[in-house]
Amino acid sequence: MTHATLDPYQKGNSALHRLDARVQLPLTLGFILVTALLPVRAWAVYLLLVAVVWAAALFSELGLGYVLKRSLIALPFALAALPVLFTIPGAPLWYIGSLTISQPGLERFAAVLLKSWISVQAAILLAGTHNLSELLLAMRALRFPRLLVAVMGLMWRYLYLIVDEAARLMRARQARSGEAASEQGKKGGTVVWRAKVTGGMAGSLLLRSFERSERVYAAMLARGYDGEVRSLPVPGISTIHRRVLWTGLTVLAILLLFGILLGGA
């Protein structure tokens, strides 16, 4: 893994890239909140939210394929809701041995799957069109807890240090490893031996990470770090962006109300 593959931000000049992060961040959080609060049977609103995300993906220059491919990460986590298929009582649909899949259970599972998938796509659009510095400044402008913002910034930046340490370990292993002279020669050892080597490298990486984190923190303290990441003053949000923010929040509120009406019907 390299720094380029680690950073989800993609440079561009689309409307989403030019949109102030202090506008897109609350819109994304509001979008995810509305998605989470929608009733189970508000299927029409789910389709509208998917259409909104896909349209934003096309206008963002990231491409629909980029967003869809990365949104698959939500599927393993959504499978945690699989037991609701069998635990929610209702009209039975299928029988799998002694287990019964009910209609309300199937609807609830489909809703959880859709909510997770849609929310992850919105988060991908946010991370792909704004870099970390812009998002941290937006969090501070929106009065997020200072400690939370500092921890998120340090955590993200420290990932690059871990990648560097892992790259050093890989280079050291290659420098100390030999290869068979013939192509038919056996390279490496058994699976158990390789597992031991990998485990040793993982432990060494953990220890190196702790040691380097101490050095980094000591260097930060020596340079006056007191828990606050300071930056130059940022200009205020323009009138157009304010209108975009309030219009977007209003539309989200209308969609939530529409979904509640549909879910209660």
C-alpha atoms as a PDB file:
ATOM      1  CA  MET A   1       0.000   0.000   0.000  1.00  0.00           C
ATOM      2  CA  THR A   2       1.316   3.422  -0.959  1.00  0.00           C
ATOM      3  CA  HIS A   3       0.395   6.940   0.072  1.00  0.00           C
ATOM      4  CA  ALA A   4      -1.480   7.395  -3.208  1.00  0.00           C
ATOM      5  CA  THR A   5      -3.730   4.397  -2.587  1.00  0.00           C
ATOM      6  CA  LEU A   6      -4.237   5.334   1.058  1.00  0.00           C
ATOM      7  CA  ASP A   7      -5.634   8.806   0.376  1.00  0.00           C
ATOM      8  CA  PRO A   8      -9.211   8.716  -1.027  1.00  0.00           C
ATOM      9  CA  TYR A   9      -9.067  12.332  -2.215  1.00  0.00           C
ATOM     10  CA  GLN A  10      -9.164  12.746  -6.003  1.00  0.00           C
ATOM     11  CA  LYS A  11      -8.167  16.065  -7.517  1.00  0.00           C
ATOM     12  CA  GLY A  12     -10.722  17.675  -9.786  1.00  0.00           C
ATOM     13  CA  ASN A  13     -12.541  20.846 -10.737  1.00  0.00           C
ATOM     14  CA  SER A  14     -16.131  19.693 -10.465  1.00  0.00           C
ATOM     15  CA  ALA A  15     -18.946  21.478  -8.684  1.00  0.00           C
ATOM     16  CA  LEU A  16     -18.483  19.230  -5.639  1.00  0.00           C
ATOM     17  CA  HIS A  17     -14.752  19.932  -5.543  1.00  0.00           C
ATOM     18  CA  ARG A  18     -15.458  23.675  -5.609  1.00  0.00           C
ATOM     19  CA  LEU A  19     -18.206  23.434  -2.990  1.00  0.00           C
ATOM     20  CA  ASP A  20     -17.072  24.668   0.412  1.00  0.00           C
ATOM     21  CA  ALA A  21     -16.311  21.782   2.769  1.00  0.00           C
ATOM     22  CA  ARG A  22     -18.224  23.664   5.475  1.00  0.00           C
ATOM     23  CA  VAL A  23     -21.294  23.191   3.276  1.00  0.00           C
ATOM     24  CA  GLN A  24     -20.767  19.679   1.963  1.00  0.00           C
ATOM     25  CA  LEU A  25     -19.888  18.207   5.383  1.00  0.00           C
ATOM     26  CA  PRO A  26     -23.191  19.158   7.099  1.00  0.00           C
ATOM     27  CA  LEU A  27     -25.099  18.198   3.954  1.00  0.00           C
ATOM     28  CA  THR A  28     -23.438  14.764   3.963  1.00  0.00           C
ATOM     29  CA  LEU A  29     -24.080  14.280   7.673  1.00  0.00           C
ATOM     30  CA  GLY A  30     -27.685  15.381   7.214  1.00  0.00           C
ATOM     31  CA  PHE A  31     -28.052  13.031   4.259  1.00  0.00           C
ATOM     32  CA  ILE A  32     -26.754  10.092   6.320  1.00  0.00           C
ATOM     33  CA  LEU A  33     -28.984  11.045   9.266  1.00  0.00           C
ATOM     34  CA  VAL A  34     -32.080  11.233   7.077  1.00  0.00           C
ATOM     35  CA  THR A  35     -31.184   7.879   5.521  1.00  0.00           C
ATOM     36  CA  ALA A  36     -30.849   6.304   8.962  1.00  0.00           C
ATOM     37  CA  LEU A  37     -34.147   7.754  10.232  1.00  0.00           C
ATOM     38  CA  LEU A  38     -36.259   6.660   7.267  1.00  0.00           C
ATOM     39  CA  PRO A  39     -38.920   4.038   8.016  1.00  0.00           C
ATOM     40  CA  VAL A  40     -38.456   0.546   6.672  1.00  0.00           C
ATOM     41  CA  ARG A  41     -41.076   0.736   3.931  1.00  0.00           C
ATOM     42  CA  ALA A  42     -40.151   4.131   2.461  1.00  0.00           C
ATOM     43  CA  TRP A  43     -38.828   2.456  -0.690  1.00  0.00           C
ATOM     44  CA  ALA A  44     -39.645   5.406  -2.969  1.00  0.00           C
ATOM     45  CA  VAL A  45     -37.493   7.708  -0.840  1.00  0.00           C
ATOM     46  CA  TYR A  46     -34.659   5.184  -0.907  1.00  0.00           C
ATOM     47  CA  LEU A  47     -34.751   5.306  -4.698  1.00  0.00           C
ATOM     48  CA  LEU A  48     -34.686   9.110  -4.604  1.00  0.00           C
ATOM     49  CA  LEU A  49     -31.650   9.087  -2.309  1.00  0.00           C
ATOM     50  CA  VAL A  50     -29.849   6.636  -4.582  1.00  0.00           C
ATOM     51  CA  ALA A  51     -30.631   8.871  -7.553  1.00  0.00           C
ATOM     52  CA  VAL A  52     -29.246  11.895  -5.685  1.00  0.00           C
ATOM     53  CA  VAL A  53     -25.999  10.092  -4.805  1.00  0.00           C
ATOM     54  CA  TRP A  54     -25.509   8.761  -8.329  1.00  0.00           C
ATOM     55  CA  ALA A  55     -26.178  12.167  -9.869  1.00  0.00           C
ATOM     56  CA  ALA A  56     -23.644  13.723  -7.484  1.00  0.00           C
ATOM     57  CA  ALA A  57     -21.124  11.017  -8.421  1.00  0.00           C
ATOM     58  CA  LEU A  58     -21.518  11.829 -12.108  1.00  0.00           C
ATOM     59  CA  PHE A  59     -21.143  15.580 -11.525  1.00  0.00           C
ATOM     60  CA  SER A  60     -18.165  15.116  -9.200  1.00  0.00           C
ATOM     61  CA  GLU A  61     -15.901  13.703 -11.958  1.00  0.00           C
ATOM     62  CA  LEU A  62     -15.253  10.682  -9.736  1.00  0.00           C
ATOM     63  CA  GLY A  63     -17.529   8.526 -11.836  1.00  0.00           C
ATOM     64  CA  LEU A  64     -20.297   6.162 -10.861  1.00  0.00           C
ATOM     65  CA  GLY A  65     -18.021   3.137 -11.101  1.00  0.00           C
ATOM     66  CA  TYR A  66     -15.559   4.677  -8.625  1.00  0.00           C
ATOM     67  CA  VAL A  67     -18.285   5.166  -6.023  1.00  0.00           C
ATOM     68  CA  LEU A  68     -20.016   1.829  -6.568  1.00  0.00           C
ATOM     69  CA  LYS A  69     -16.804  -0.180  -6.384  1.00  0.00           C
ATOM     70  CA  ARG A  70     -15.776   1.397  -3.086  1.00  0.00           C
ATOM     71  CA  SER A  71     -19.268   1.220  -1.615  1.00  0.00           C
ATOM     72  CA  LEU A  72     -19.041  -2.576  -1.549  1.00  0.00           C
ATOM     73  CA  ILE A  73     -17.169  -2.205   1.733  1.00  0.00           C
ATOM     74  CA  ALA A  74     -20.577  -1.700   3.384  1.00  0.00           C
ATOM     75  CA  LEU A  75     -21.801  -5.190   2.497  1.00  0.00           C
ATOM     76  CA  PRO A  76     -19.824  -7.202   5.109  1.00  0.00           C
ATOM     77  CA  PHE A  77     -20.965  -4.832   7.875  1.00  0.00           C
ATOM     78  CA  ALA A  78     -24.565  -4.933   6.683  1.00  0.00           C
ATOM     79  CA  LEU A  79     -24.502  -8.731   6.954  1.00  0.00           C
ATOM     80  CA  ALA A  80     -24.432  -8.242  10.724  1.00  0.00           C
ATOM     81  CA  ALA A  81     -28.165  -7.552  10.386  1.00  0.00           C
ATOM     82  CA  LEU A  82     -28.747 -11.002   8.891  1.00  0.00           C
ATOM     83  CA  PRO A  83     -30.373 -12.403  12.079  1.00  0.00           C
ATOM     84  CA  VAL A  84     -33.332 -10.012  11.676  1.00  0.00           C
ATOM     85  CA  LEU A  85     -34.484 -12.259   8.817  1.00  0.00           C
ATOM     86  CA  PHE A  86     -35.332 -14.964  11.348  1.00  0.00           C
ATOM     87  CA  THR A  87     -36.010 -13.064  14.579  1.00  0.00           C
ATOM     88  CA  ILE A  88     -38.725 -10.597  13.574  1.00  0.00           C
ATOM     89  CA  PRO A  89     -42.161 -12.237  13.730  1.00  0.00           C
ATOM     90  CA  GLY A  90     -44.560 -11.968  10.840  1.00  0.00           C
ATOM     91  CA  ALA A  91     -45.946 -13.707   7.795  1.00  0.00           C
ATOM     92  CA  PRO A  92     -43.543 -16.533   6.801  1.00  0.00           C
ATOM     93  CA  LEU A  93     -42.007 -16.434   3.336  1.00  0.00           C
ATOM     94  CA  TRP A  94     -39.441 -19.267   3.265  1.00  0.00           C
ATOM     95  CA  TYR A  95     -38.300 -22.066   5.514  1.00  0.00           C
ATOM     96  CA  ILE A  96     -34.632 -22.964   5.890  1.00  0.00           C
ATOM     97  CA  GLY A  97     -34.586 -26.038   8.064  1.00  0.00           C
ATOM     98  CA  SER A  98     -35.977 -24.996  11.426  1.00  0.00           C
ATOM     99  CA  LEU A  99     -35.562 -21.296  10.610  1.00  0.00           C
ATOM    100  CA  THR A 100     -38.305 -19.133   9.135  1.00  0.00           C
ATOM    101  CA  ILE A 101     -37.767 -16.012   7.069  1.00  0.00           C
ATOM    102  CA  SER A 102     -40.606 -13.592   7.700  1.00  0.00           C
ATOM    103  CA  GLN A 103     -41.763 -10.781   5.450  1.00  0.00           C
ATOM    104  CA  PRO A 104     -41.113  -8.041   8.070  1.00  0.00           C
ATOM    105  CA  GLY A 105     -37.665  -9.536   8.677  1.00  0.00           C
ATOM    106  CA  LEU A 106     -36.851  -9.477   4.973  1.00  0.00           C
ATOM    107  CA  GLU A 107     -38.037  -5.878   4.688  1.00  0.00           C
ATOM    108  CA  ARG A 108     -35.985  -4.817   7.711  1.00  0.00           C
ATOM    109  CA  PHE A 109     -32.850  -6.530   6.358  1.00  0.00           C
ATOM    110  CA  ALA A 110     -33.309  -4.936   2.919  1.00  0.00           C
ATOM    111  CA  ALA A 111     -33.747  -1.519   4.563  1.00  0.00           C
ATOM    112  CA  VAL A 112     -30.562  -1.924   6.650  1.00  0.00           C
ATOM    113  CA  LEU A 113     -28.638  -3.023   3.563  1.00  0.00           C
ATOM    114  CA  LEU A 114     -29.893  -0.061   1.532  1.00  0.00           C
ATOM    115  CA  LYS A 115     -29.239   2.446   4.301  1.00  0.00           C
ATOM    116  CA  SER A 116     -25.662   1.246   4.769  1.00  0.00           C
ATOM    117  CA  TRP A 117     -24.975   1.203   1.039  1.00  0.00           C
ATOM    118  CA  ILE A 118     -26.404   4.687   0.419  1.00  0.00           C
ATOM    119  CA  SER A 119     -24.652   6.230   3.432  1.00  0.00           C
ATOM    120  CA  VAL A 120     -21.256   4.811   2.455  1.00  0.00           C
ATOM    121  CA  GLN A 121     -21.628   6.242  -1.053  1.00  0.00           C
ATOM    122  CA  ALA A 122     -22.305   9.705   0.395  1.00  0.00           C
ATOM    123  CA  ALA A 123     -19.223   9.422   2.609  1.00  0.00           C
ATOM    124  CA  ILE A 124     -17.118   8.326  -0.373  1.00  0.00           C
ATOM    125  CA  LEU A 125     -18.200  11.411  -2.316  1.00  0.00           C
ATOM    126  CA  LEU A 126     -17.242  13.640   0.608  1.00  0.00           C
ATOM    127  CA  ALA A 127     -13.808  12.057   1.073  1.00  0.00           C
ATOM    128  CA  GLY A 128     -13.150  11.946  -2.663  1.00  0.00           C
ATOM    129  CA  THR A 129     -13.851  15.628  -3.316  1.00  0.00           C
ATOM    130  CA  HIS A 130     -12.271  17.247  -0.226  1.00  0.00           C
ATOM    131  CA  ASN A 131      -8.908  16.553   1.345  1.00  0.00           C
ATOM    132  CA  LEU A 132      -8.348  15.989   5.021  1.00  0.00           C
ATOM    133  CA  SER A 133      -7.235  19.539   5.784  1.00  0.00           C
ATOM    134  CA  GLU A 134     -10.444  20.986   4.343  1.00  0.00           C
ATOM    135  CA  LEU A 135     -12.584  18.533   6.300  1.00  0.00           C
ATOM    136  CA  LEU A 136     -10.768  19.261   9.562  1.00  0.00           C
ATOM    137  CA  LEU A 137     -11.226  23.000   9.042  1.00  0.00           C
ATOM    138  CA  ALA A 138     -14.903  22.385   8.325  1.00  0.00           C
ATOM    139  CA  MET A 139     -15.257  20.383  11.532  1.00  0.00           C
ATOM    140  CA  ARG A 140     -13.667  23.155  13.543  1.00  0.00           C
ATOM    141  CA  ALA A 141     -15.899  25.751  11.876  1.00  0.00           C
ATOM    142  CA  LEU A 142     -18.955  23.654  12.739  1.00  0.00           C
ATOM    143  CA  ARG A 143     -17.891  23.547  16.405  1.00  0.00           C
ATOM    144  CA  PHE A 144     -17.003  19.873  16.547  1.00  0.00           C
ATOM    145  CA  PRO A 145     -15.249  18.968  19.826  1.00  0.00           C
ATOM    146  CA  ARG A 146     -11.662  20.151  19.605  1.00  0.00           C
ATOM    147  CA  LEU A 147     -10.282  16.895  20.999  1.00  0.00           C
ATOM    148  CA  LEU A 148     -12.239  14.848  18.447  1.00  0.00           C
ATOM    149  CA  VAL A 149     -10.904  16.919  15.550  1.00  0.00           C
ATOM    150  CA  ALA A 150      -7.325  16.668  16.854  1.00  0.00           C
ATOM    151  CA  VAL A 151      -7.567  12.893  17.310  1.00  0.00           C
ATOM    152  CA  MET A 152      -8.991  12.387  13.811  1.00  0.00           C
ATOM    153  CA  GLY A 153      -6.269  14.512  12.251  1.00  0.00           C
ATOM    154  CA  LEU A 154      -3.452  12.777  14.112  1.00  0.00           C
ATOM    155  CA  MET A 155      -4.918   9.332  13.461  1.00  0.00           C
ATOM    156  CA  TRP A 156      -5.101   9.942   9.714  1.00  0.00           C
ATOM    157  CA  ARG A 157      -1.611  11.395   9.485  1.00  0.00           C
ATOM    158  CA  TYR A 158      -0.149   8.592  11.586  1.00  0.00           C
ATOM    159  CA  LEU A 159      -1.422   6.021   9.074  1.00  0.00           C
ATOM    160  CA  TYR A 160       1.255   7.290   6.697  1.00  0.00           C
ATOM    161  CA  LEU A 161       3.919   6.659   9.337  1.00  0.00           C
ATOM    162  CA  ILE A 162       2.697   3.082   9.721  1.00  0.00           C
ATOM    163  CA  VAL A 163       2.845   2.633   5.945  1.00  0.00           C
ATOM    164  CA  ASP A 164       6.446   3.896   5.970  1.00  0.00           C
ATOM    165  CA  GLU A 165       7.386   1.491   8.753  1.00  0.00           C
ATOM    166  CA  ALA A 166       5.733  -1.404   6.914  1.00  0.00           C
ATOM    167  CA  ALA A 167       7.642  -0.496   3.740  1.00  0.00           C
ATOM    168  CA  ARG A 168      10.913  -0.519   5.701  1.00  0.00           C
ATOM    169  CA  LEU A 169      10.135  -3.983   7.058  1.00  0.00           C
ATOM    170  CA  MET A 170       9.360  -5.271   3.564  1.00  0.00           C
ATOM    171  CA  ARG A 171      12.617  -3.868   2.176  1.00  0.00           C
ATOM    172  CA  ALA A 172      14.546  -5.387   5.065  1.00  0.00           C
ATOM    173  CA  ARG A 173      12.947  -8.781   4.451  1.00  0.00           C
ATOM    174  CA  GLN A 174      13.759  -8.651   0.738  1.00  0.00           C
ATOM    175  CA  ALA A 175      17.355  -7.612   1.465  1.00  0.00           C
ATOM    176  CA  ARG A 176      17.821 -10.603   3.798  1.00  0.00           C
ATOM    177  CA  SER A 177      15.988 -13.164   1.675  1.00  0.00           C
ATOM    178  CA  GLY A 178      17.508 -15.363  -0.956  1.00  0.00           C
ATOM    179  CA  GLU A 179      15.928 -16.978  -4.023  1.00  0.00           C
ATOM    180  CA  ALA A 180      16.570 -20.348  -5.578  1.00  0.00           C
ATOM    181  CA  ALA A 181      18.850 -20.303  -8.591  1.00  0.00           C
ATOM    182  CA  SER A 182      16.531 -22.485 -10.702  1.00  0.00           C
ATOM    183  CA  GLU A 183      12.962 -21.708 -11.524  1.00  0.00           C
ATOM    184  CA  GLN A 184      11.915 -25.111 -10.140  1.00  0.00           C
ATOM    185  CA  GLY A 185      13.491 -24.342  -6.801  1.00  0.00           C
ATOM    186  CA  LYS A 186      11.192 -23.995  -3.845  1.00  0.00           C
ATOM    187  CA  LYS A 187      10.860 -20.424  -2.613  1.00  0.00           C
ATOM    188  CA  GLY A 188      10.088 -19.673   0.986  1.00  0.00           C
ATOM    189  CA  GLY A 189       8.943 -22.315   3.433  1.00  0.00           C
ATOM    190  CA  THR A 190       5.811 -24.003   4.623  1.00  0.00           C
ATOM    191  CA  VAL A 191       2.579 -22.197   5.357  1.00  0.00           C
ATOM    192  CA  VAL A 192       3.260 -22.456   9.092  1.00  0.00           C
ATOM    193  CA  TRP A 193       6.741 -20.977   8.650  1.00  0.00           C
ATOM    194  CA  ARG A 194       5.384 -18.101   6.581  1.00  0.00           C
ATOM    195  CA  ALA A 195       2.672 -17.476   9.173  1.00  0.00           C
ATOM    196  CA  LYS A 196       5.341 -17.242  11.874  1.00  0.00           C
ATOM    197  CA  VAL A 197       7.370 -14.804   9.792  1.00  0.00           C
ATOM    198  CA  THR A 198       4.298 -12.692   9.090  1.00  0.00           C
ATOM    199  CA  GLY A 199       3.353 -12.689  12.764  1.00  0.00           C
ATOM    200  CA  GLY A 200       6.848 -11.625  13.728  1.00  0.00           C
ATOM    201  CA  MET A 201       6.746  -8.800  11.197  1.00  0.00           C
ATOM    202  CA  ALA A 202       3.343  -7.661  12.494  1.00  0.00           C
ATOM    203  CA  GLY A 203       4.664  -7.611  16.067  1.00  0.00           C
ATOM    204  CA  SER A 204       7.763  -5.727  14.997  1.00  0.00           C
ATOM    205  CA  LEU A 205       5.597  -3.226  13.128  1.00  0.00           C
ATOM    206  CA  LEU A 206       3.494  -2.677  16.258  1.00  0.00           C
ATOM    207  CA  LEU A 207       6.559  -2.049  18.426  1.00  0.00           C
ATOM    208  CA  ARG A 208       8.125   0.240  15.852  1.00  0.00           C
ATOM    209  CA  SER A 209       4.881   2.174  15.559  1.00  0.00           C
ATOM    210  CA  PHE A 210       4.736   2.726  19.316  1.00  0.00           C
ATOM    211  CA  GLU A 211       8.357   3.865  19.423  1.00  0.00           C
ATOM    212  CA  ARG A 212       7.951   6.213  16.480  1.00  0.00           C
ATOM    213  CA  SER A 213       4.731   7.642  17.888  1.00  0.00           C
ATOM    214  CA  GLU A 214       6.619   8.562  21.068  1.00  0.00           C
ATOM    215  CA  ARG A 215       9.307  10.299  19.024  1.00  0.00           C
ATOM    216  CA  VAL A 216       6.734  12.133  16.932  1.00  0.00           C
ATOM    217  CA  TYR A 217       4.828  13.277  19.995  1.00  0.00           C
ATOM    218  CA  ALA A 218       8.028  14.456  21.696  1.00  0.00           C
ATOM    219  CA  ALA A 219       8.918  16.428  18.561  1.00  0.00           C
ATOM    220  CA  MET A 220       5.431  17.988  18.526  1.00  0.00           C
ATOM    221  CA  LEU A 221       5.747  19.029  22.186  1.00  0.00           C
ATOM    222  CA  ALA A 222       9.153  20.532  21.464  1.00  0.00           C
ATOM    223  CA  ARG A 223       7.520  22.668  18.777  1.00  0.00           C
ATOM    224  CA  GLY A 224       4.809  23.989  21.084  1.00  0.00           C
ATOM    225  CA  TYR A 225       1.948  21.561  20.441  1.00  0.00           C
ATOM    226  CA  ASP A 226      -0.757  21.965  23.115  1.00  0.00           C
ATOM    227  CA  GLY A 227      -3.587  19.897  21.629  1.00  0.00           C
ATOM    228  CA  GLU A 228      -4.784  22.596  19.198  1.00  0.00           C
ATOM    229  CA  VAL A 229      -3.879  22.510  15.508  1.00  0.00           C
ATOM    230  CA  ARG A 230      -3.737  26.133  14.438  1.00  0.00           C
ATOM    231  CA  SER A 231      -4.212  27.420  10.921  1.00  0.00           C
ATOM    232  CA  LEU A 232      -4.559  30.662   9.050  1.00  0.00           C
ATOM    233  CA  PRO A 233      -7.968  32.405   9.222  1.00  0.00           C
ATOM    234  CA  VAL A 234     -10.391  31.119   6.587  1.00  0.00           C
ATOM    235  CA  PRO A 235     -12.834  33.369   4.709  1.00  0.00           C
ATOM    236  CA  GLY A 236     -16.525  33.223   5.476  1.00  0.00           C
ATOM    237  CA  ILE A 237     -18.966  31.088   3.532  1.00  0.00           C
ATOM    238  CA  SER A 238     -20.199  32.838   0.414  1.00  0.00           C
ATOM    239  CA  THR A 239     -23.866  33.703  -0.069  1.00  0.00           C
ATOM    240  CA  ILE A 240     -24.276  31.136  -2.854  1.00  0.00           C
ATOM    241  CA  HIS A 241     -22.887  28.365  -0.693  1.00  0.00           C
ATOM    242  CA  ARG A 242     -25.141  29.379   2.182  1.00  0.00           C
ATOM    243  CA  ARG A 243     -28.131  29.106  -0.120  1.00  0.00           C
ATOM    244  CA  VAL A 244     -26.957  25.691  -1.278  1.00  0.00           C
ATOM    245  CA  LEU A 245     -26.637  24.569   2.343  1.00  0.00           C
ATOM    246  CA  TRP A 246     -30.099  25.703   3.436  1.00  0.00           C
ATOM    247  CA  THR A 247     -31.723  24.460   0.241  1.00  0.00           C
ATOM    248  CA  GLY A 248     -30.105  21.058   0.653  1.00  0.00           C
ATOM    249  CA  LEU A 249     -31.118  20.778   4.303  1.00  0.00           C
ATOM    250  CA  THR A 250     -34.674  21.780   3.427  1.00  0.00           C
ATOM    251  CA  VAL A 251     -34.872  19.132   0.704  1.00  0.00           C
ATOM    252  CA  LEU A 252     -33.549  16.510   3.112  1.00  0.00           C
ATOM    253  CA  ALA A 253     -36.171  17.476   5.691  1.00  0.00           C
ATOM    254  CA  ILE A 254     -38.908  17.176   3.053  1.00  0.00           C
ATOM    255  CA  LEU A 255     -37.624  13.747   2.012  1.00  0.00           C
ATOM    256  CA  LEU A 256     -37.618  12.602   5.633  1.00  0.00           C
ATOM    257  CA  LEU A 257     -41.183  13.815   6.134  1.00  0.00           C
ATOM    258  CA  PHE A 258     -42.259  12.157   2.878  1.00  0.00           C
ATOM    259  CA  GLY A 259     -40.599   8.931   3.971  1.00  0.00           C
ATOM    260  CA  ILE A 260     -42.333   8.986   7.364  1.00  0.00           C
ATOM    261  CA  LEU A 261     -45.679   9.449   5.633  1.00  0.00           C
ATOM    262  CA  LEU A 262     -44.972   6.585   3.257  1.00  0.00           C
ATOM    263  CA  GLY A 263     -43.707   4.327   6.037  1.00  0.00           C
ATOM    264  CA  GLY A 264     -46.817   4.913   8.113  1.00  0.00           C
ATOM    265  CA  ALA A 265     -49.168   4.287   5.195  1.00  0.00           C
END
